[in-house]
Amino acid sequence: MLARVAKLEAQRAAPRSPVEIVYGSMEAFAELAEADIAAGKLDSIDFPIIINCLRKWHRDGLWAGWTKQANRVWER
């Protein structure tokens, strides 16, 4: 019975975004990206904009409207 309840609770839980799955959280991703910006590995003009766009994508749940295809490309 407990296993069944756990399964139902897992199904009700909000789905995790791809960023959460890979990095644990959006903020963890942003911290890594900002460190790479400071180290000169990522563009210091464009990548902060990309981070902000990804934050909105994550916060608003827009990622849920996209699916991962077999070739690993996200499509709407």
C-alpha atoms as a PDB file:
ATOM      1  CA  MET A   1       0.000   0.000   0.000  1.00  0.00           C
ATOM      2  CA  LEU A   2       2.826   2.425   0.832  1.00  0.00           C
ATOM      3  CA  ALA A   3       4.449   1.747  -2.522  1.00  0.00           C
ATOM      4  CA  ARG A   4       1.195   2.573  -4.247  1.00  0.00           C
ATOM      5  CA  VAL A   5       0.828   5.831  -2.310  1.00  0.00           C
ATOM      6  CA  ALA A   6       4.433   6.761  -3.119  1.00  0.00           C
ATOM      7  CA  LYS A   7       3.773   6.099  -6.806  1.00  0.00           C
ATOM      8  CA  LEU A   8       0.661   8.303  -6.763  1.00  0.00           C
ATOM      9  CA  GLU A   9       2.529  11.099  -4.989  1.00  0.00           C
ATOM     10  CA  ALA A  10       5.358  10.894  -7.518  1.00  0.00           C
ATOM     11  CA  GLN A  11       2.859  11.221 -10.353  1.00  0.00           C
ATOM     12  CA  ARG A  12       1.323  14.317  -8.734  1.00  0.00           C
ATOM     13  CA  ALA A  13       4.683  16.005  -8.184  1.00  0.00           C
ATOM     14  CA  ALA A  14       5.515  18.806 -10.562  1.00  0.00           C
ATOM     15  CA  PRO A  15       7.694  17.591 -13.415  1.00  0.00           C
ATOM     16  CA  ARG A  16      11.303  18.686 -13.314  1.00  0.00           C
ATOM     17  CA  SER A  17      12.723  20.852 -16.061  1.00  0.00           C
ATOM     18  CA  PRO A  18      15.697  19.661 -18.126  1.00  0.00           C
ATOM     19  CA  VAL A  19      17.873  22.219 -16.313  1.00  0.00           C
ATOM     20  CA  GLU A  20      16.896  20.754 -12.928  1.00  0.00           C
ATOM     21  CA  ILE A  21      17.537  17.226 -14.148  1.00  0.00           C
ATOM     22  CA  VAL A  22      21.039  18.024 -15.422  1.00  0.00           C
ATOM     23  CA  TYR A  23      22.216  20.697 -12.933  1.00  0.00           C
ATOM     24  CA  GLY A  24      19.971  20.186  -9.889  1.00  0.00           C
ATOM     25  CA  SER A  25      18.476  23.680 -10.088  1.00  0.00           C
ATOM     26  CA  MET A  26      18.361  26.737 -12.297  1.00  0.00           C
ATOM     27  CA  GLU A  27      20.506  28.635  -9.812  1.00  0.00           C
ATOM     28  CA  ALA A  28      23.180  25.914  -9.863  1.00  0.00           C
ATOM     29  CA  PHE A  29      23.303  26.213 -13.661  1.00  0.00           C
ATOM     30  CA  ALA A  30      23.464  30.017 -13.456  1.00  0.00           C
ATOM     31  CA  GLU A  31      26.333  29.872 -10.944  1.00  0.00           C
ATOM     32  CA  LEU A  32      28.333  27.529 -13.181  1.00  0.00           C
ATOM     33  CA  ALA A  33      27.640  29.675 -16.224  1.00  0.00           C
ATOM     34  CA  GLU A  34      28.592  32.888 -14.394  1.00  0.00           C
ATOM     35  CA  ALA A  35      31.862  31.276 -13.285  1.00  0.00           C
ATOM     36  CA  ASP A  36      32.577  30.351 -16.920  1.00  0.00           C
ATOM     37  CA  ILE A  37      31.754  33.921 -17.970  1.00  0.00           C
ATOM     38  CA  ALA A  38      34.224  35.250 -15.377  1.00  0.00           C
ATOM     39  CA  ALA A  39      36.846  32.766 -16.604  1.00  0.00           C
ATOM     40  CA  GLY A  40      36.357  33.935 -20.196  1.00  0.00           C
ATOM     41  CA  LYS A  41      34.947  30.595 -21.380  1.00  0.00           C
ATOM     42  CA  LEU A  42      31.545  32.087 -22.256  1.00  0.00           C
ATOM     43  CA  ASP A  43      30.735  35.396 -23.905  1.00  0.00           C
ATOM     44  CA  SER A  44      30.334  38.150 -21.327  1.00  0.00           C
ATOM     45  CA  ILE A  45      27.785  40.082 -23.398  1.00  0.00           C
ATOM     46  CA  ASP A  46      25.526  37.394 -24.818  1.00  0.00           C
ATOM     47  CA  PHE A  47      25.542  34.677 -22.168  1.00  0.00           C
ATOM     48  CA  PRO A  48      24.032  36.735 -19.306  1.00  0.00           C
ATOM     49  CA  ILE A  49      21.085  37.368 -21.660  1.00  0.00           C
ATOM     50  CA  ILE A  50      20.846  33.640 -22.357  1.00  0.00           C
ATOM     51  CA  ILE A  51      20.871  32.903 -18.624  1.00  0.00           C
ATOM     52  CA  ASN A  52      18.011  35.364 -18.061  1.00  0.00           C
ATOM     53  CA  CYS A  53      16.027  33.818 -20.929  1.00  0.00           C
ATOM     54  CA  LEU A  54      16.560  30.348 -19.480  1.00  0.00           C
ATOM     55  CA  ARG A  55      15.480  31.596 -16.046  1.00  0.00           C
ATOM     56  CA  LYS A  56      12.200  32.852 -17.535  1.00  0.00           C
ATOM     57  CA  TRP A  57      11.794  29.624 -19.536  1.00  0.00           C
ATOM     58  CA  HIS A  58      12.296  27.685 -16.314  1.00  0.00           C
ATOM     59  CA  ARG A  59      10.229  29.944 -14.003  1.00  0.00           C
ATOM     60  CA  ASP A  60       7.242  30.122 -16.363  1.00  0.00           C
ATOM     61  CA  GLY A  61       7.318  26.385 -17.087  1.00  0.00           C
ATOM     62  CA  LEU A  62       7.632  26.986 -20.826  1.00  0.00           C
ATOM     63  CA  TRP A  63       9.903  23.954 -21.122  1.00  0.00           C
ATOM     64  CA  ALA A  64       6.885  21.702 -20.514  1.00  0.00           C
ATOM     65  CA  GLY A  65       5.516  22.546 -23.970  1.00  0.00           C
ATOM     66  CA  TRP A  66       8.573  21.104 -25.662  1.00  0.00           C
ATOM     67  CA  THR A  67       9.509  17.470 -26.111  1.00  0.00           C
ATOM     68  CA  LYS A  68      12.827  15.780 -26.550  1.00  0.00           C
ATOM     69  CA  GLN A  69      12.997  13.899 -29.815  1.00  0.00           C
ATOM     70  CA  ALA A  70      14.996  10.743 -30.482  1.00  0.00           C
ATOM     71  CA  ASN A  71      17.780  12.790 -32.073  1.00  0.00           C
ATOM     72  CA  ARG A  72      18.081  14.861 -28.867  1.00  0.00           C
ATOM     73  CA  VAL A  73      16.617  18.017 -30.413  1.00  0.00           C
ATOM     74  CA  TRP A  74      13.897  19.813 -28.467  1.00  0.00           C
ATOM     75  CA  GLU A  75      10.840  20.501 -30.573  1.00  0.00           C
ATOM     76  CA  ARG A  76       7.526  22.160 -29.876  1.00  0.00           C
END
